[in-house]
Amino acid sequence: GGASVANVAARWVLDSEVVPAVILGARNAEHVDDHLRMFAFDLDDEDRAAIRGVLAKGRAPTADSYQWERGGQF
Protein backbone atom coordinates (compact mmCIF):
# COMPACT_ATOMS: atom_id res chain seq x y z
CA GLY A 1 0.00 0.00 0.00
CA GLY A 2 0.93 3.57 -0.32
CA ALA A 3 0.10 6.85 1.30
CA SER A 4 -3.34 8.35 0.86
CA VAL A 5 -3.75 11.50 -1.21
CA ALA A 6 -4.77 13.34 1.96
CA ASN A 7 -1.59 12.27 3.73
CA VAL A 8 0.62 13.25 0.81
CA ALA A 9 -1.08 16.65 0.65
CA ALA A 10 -0.71 17.21 4.39
CA ARG A 11 2.93 16.08 4.32
CA TRP A 12 3.58 18.47 1.39
CA VAL A 13 2.15 21.37 3.38
CA LEU A 14 3.96 20.43 6.59
CA ASP A 15 7.26 20.22 4.72
CA SER A 16 6.89 23.88 3.75
CA GLU A 17 9.21 26.21 5.63
CA VAL A 18 6.41 28.72 6.18
CA VAL A 19 3.62 26.43 7.41
CA PRO A 20 3.93 25.29 11.03
CA ALA A 21 0.79 23.11 11.18
CA VAL A 22 -2.21 21.71 9.33
CA ILE A 23 -5.74 21.30 10.61
CA LEU A 24 -7.12 17.81 10.06
CA GLY A 25 -10.59 16.46 10.66
CA ALA A 26 -11.60 12.93 11.58
CA ARG A 27 -15.13 11.54 11.53
CA ASN A 28 -14.08 8.26 13.10
CA ALA A 29 -11.13 6.35 14.57
CA GLU A 30 -10.07 5.02 11.16
CA HIS A 31 -9.42 8.59 10.05
CA VAL A 32 -7.21 9.17 13.08
CA ASP A 33 -5.21 6.04 12.26
CA ASP A 34 -4.85 7.22 8.66
CA HIS A 35 -3.70 10.68 9.77
CA LEU A 36 -1.02 9.11 11.96
CA ARG A 37 0.39 7.33 8.89
CA MET A 38 1.30 10.78 7.54
CA PHE A 39 4.32 10.67 9.84
CA ALA A 40 5.48 7.27 8.58
CA PHE A 41 6.94 8.57 5.31
CA ASP A 42 8.87 11.49 3.86
CA LEU A 43 8.58 13.09 0.46
CA ASP A 44 11.83 12.96 -1.48
CA ASP A 45 13.00 15.33 -4.21
CA GLU A 46 11.37 13.20 -6.91
CA ASP A 47 8.03 13.26 -5.06
CA ARG A 48 8.19 17.03 -4.62
CA ALA A 49 9.08 17.52 -8.29
CA ALA A 50 6.11 15.37 -9.34
CA ILE A 51 3.77 17.36 -7.10
CA ARG A 52 5.10 20.67 -8.46
CA GLY A 53 4.52 19.33 -11.99
CA VAL A 54 0.88 18.56 -11.23
CA LEU A 55 0.36 21.93 -9.54
CA ALA A 56 1.91 23.74 -12.52
CA LYS A 57 -0.84 22.30 -14.75
CA GLY A 58 -3.59 23.81 -12.61
CA ARG A 59 -5.02 27.29 -12.54
CA ALA A 60 -3.13 29.85 -10.54
CA PRO A 61 -5.16 32.07 -8.21
CA THR A 62 -5.78 35.62 -9.39
CA ALA A 63 -6.44 37.04 -5.91
CA ASP A 64 -5.90 36.13 -2.28
CA SER A 65 -8.04 33.60 -0.44
CA TYR A 66 -9.92 36.30 1.47
CA GLN A 67 -11.41 37.56 -1.79
CA TRP A 68 -12.49 34.02 -2.73
CA GLU A 69 -14.25 33.66 0.61
CA ARG A 70 -16.22 36.80 -0.20
CA GLY A 71 -17.34 35.42 -3.55
CA GLY A 72 -14.49 36.75 -5.69
CA GLN A 73 -13.18 34.80 -8.63
CA PHE A 74 -10.44 32.24 -8.28
C-alpha atoms as a PDB file:
ATOM      1  CA  GLY A   1       0.000   0.000   0.000  1.00  0.00           C
ATOM      2  CA  GLY A   2       0.926   3.574  -0.318  1.00  0.00           C
ATOM      3  CA  ALA A   3       0.104   6.852   1.296  1.00  0.00           C
ATOM      4  CA  SER A   4      -3.340   8.347   0.858  1.00  0.00           C
ATOM      5  CA  VAL A   5      -3.748  11.498  -1.210  1.00  0.00           C
ATOM      6  CA  ALA A   6      -4.772  13.342   1.960  1.00  0.00           C
ATOM      7  CA  ASN A   7      -1.594  12.274   3.735  1.00  0.00           C
ATOM      8  CA  VAL A   8       0.622  13.246   0.810  1.00  0.00           C
ATOM      9  CA  ALA A   9      -1.076  16.652   0.647  1.00  0.00           C
ATOM     10  CA  ALA A  10      -0.708  17.212   4.387  1.00  0.00           C
ATOM     11  CA  ARG A  11       2.931  16.084   4.323  1.00  0.00           C
ATOM     12  CA  TRP A  12       3.575  18.471   1.395  1.00  0.00           C
ATOM     13  CA  VAL A  13       2.146  21.373   3.378  1.00  0.00           C
ATOM     14  CA  LEU A  14       3.955  20.429   6.592  1.00  0.00           C
ATOM     15  CA  ASP A  15       7.258  20.222   4.720  1.00  0.00           C
ATOM     16  CA  SER A  16       6.893  23.879   3.752  1.00  0.00           C
ATOM     17  CA  GLU A  17       9.215  26.212   5.625  1.00  0.00           C
ATOM     18  CA  VAL A  18       6.411  28.724   6.178  1.00  0.00           C
ATOM     19  CA  VAL A  19       3.623  26.432   7.410  1.00  0.00           C
ATOM     20  CA  PRO A  20       3.930  25.295  11.034  1.00  0.00           C
ATOM     21  CA  ALA A  21       0.791  23.107  11.177  1.00  0.00           C
ATOM     22  CA  VAL A  22      -2.206  21.708   9.335  1.00  0.00           C
ATOM     23  CA  ILE A  23      -5.742  21.298  10.614  1.00  0.00           C
ATOM     24  CA  LEU A  24      -7.125  17.805  10.062  1.00  0.00           C
ATOM     25  CA  GLY A  25     -10.586  16.458  10.661  1.00  0.00           C
ATOM     26  CA  ALA A  26     -11.598  12.933  11.579  1.00  0.00           C
ATOM     27  CA  ARG A  27     -15.133  11.544  11.534  1.00  0.00           C
ATOM     28  CA  ASN A  28     -14.083   8.261  13.096  1.00  0.00           C
ATOM     29  CA  ALA A  29     -11.127   6.353  14.575  1.00  0.00           C
ATOM     30  CA  GLU A  30     -10.074   5.020  11.156  1.00  0.00           C
ATOM     31  CA  HIS A  31      -9.417   8.586  10.050  1.00  0.00           C
ATOM     32  CA  VAL A  32      -7.206   9.170  13.079  1.00  0.00           C
ATOM     33  CA  ASP A  33      -5.211   6.040  12.262  1.00  0.00           C
ATOM     34  CA  ASP A  34      -4.850   7.221   8.657  1.00  0.00           C
ATOM     35  CA  HIS A  35      -3.695  10.677   9.769  1.00  0.00           C
ATOM     36  CA  LEU A  36      -1.017   9.108  11.956  1.00  0.00           C
ATOM     37  CA  ARG A  37       0.392   7.329   8.888  1.00  0.00           C
ATOM     38  CA  MET A  38       1.302  10.782   7.542  1.00  0.00           C
ATOM     39  CA  PHE A  39       4.321  10.673   9.840  1.00  0.00           C
ATOM     40  CA  ALA A  40       5.477   7.269   8.575  1.00  0.00           C
ATOM     41  CA  PHE A  41       6.943   8.571   5.306  1.00  0.00           C
ATOM     42  CA  ASP A  42       8.867  11.486   3.857  1.00  0.00           C
ATOM     43  CA  LEU A  43       8.581  13.085   0.456  1.00  0.00           C
ATOM     44  CA  ASP A  44      11.828  12.960  -1.479  1.00  0.00           C
ATOM     45  CA  ASP A  45      13.001  15.330  -4.211  1.00  0.00           C
ATOM     46  CA  GLU A  46      11.366  13.198  -6.910  1.00  0.00           C
ATOM     47  CA  ASP A  47       8.031  13.259  -5.065  1.00  0.00           C
ATOM     48  CA  ARG A  48       8.187  17.032  -4.619  1.00  0.00           C
ATOM     49  CA  ALA A  49       9.083  17.521  -8.294  1.00  0.00           C
ATOM     50  CA  ALA A  50       6.112  15.367  -9.342  1.00  0.00           C
ATOM     51  CA  ILE A  51       3.775  17.362  -7.103  1.00  0.00           C
ATOM     52  CA  ARG A  52       5.099  20.667  -8.459  1.00  0.00           C
ATOM     53  CA  GLY A  53       4.521  19.330 -11.991  1.00  0.00           C
ATOM     54  CA  VAL A  54       0.878  18.564 -11.226  1.00  0.00           C
ATOM     55  CA  LEU A  55       0.362  21.929  -9.536  1.00  0.00           C
ATOM     56  CA  ALA A  56       1.905  23.738 -12.517  1.00  0.00           C
ATOM     57  CA  LYS A  57      -0.837  22.297 -14.751  1.00  0.00           C
ATOM     58  CA  GLY A  58      -3.592  23.807 -12.609  1.00  0.00           C
ATOM     59  CA  ARG A  59      -5.019  27.290 -12.538  1.00  0.00           C
ATOM     60  CA  ALA A  60      -3.132  29.852 -10.538  1.00  0.00           C
ATOM     61  CA  PRO A  61      -5.163  32.070  -8.215  1.00  0.00           C
ATOM     62  CA  THR A  62      -5.782  35.621  -9.385  1.00  0.00           C
ATOM     63  CA  ALA A  63      -6.445  37.039  -5.912  1.00  0.00           C
ATOM     64  CA  ASP A  64      -5.905  36.126  -2.285  1.00  0.00           C
ATOM     65  CA  SER A  65      -8.039  33.602  -0.437  1.00  0.00           C
ATOM     66  CA  TYR A  66      -9.923  36.296   1.474  1.00  0.00           C
ATOM     67  CA  GLN A  67     -11.408  37.556  -1.788  1.00  0.00           C
ATOM     68  CA  TRP A  68     -12.487  34.018  -2.726  1.00  0.00           C
ATOM     69  CA  GLU A  69     -14.250  33.657   0.612  1.00  0.00           C
ATOM     70  CA  ARG A  70     -16.219  36.798  -0.197  1.00  0.00           C
ATOM     71  CA  GLY A  71     -17.340  35.417  -3.550  1.00  0.00           C
ATOM     72  CA  GLY A  72     -14.487  36.748  -5.686  1.00  0.00           C
ATOM     73  CA  GLN A  73     -13.184  34.804  -8.632  1.00  0.00           C
ATOM     74  CA  PHE A  74     -10.437  32.242  -8.285  1.00  0.00           C
END
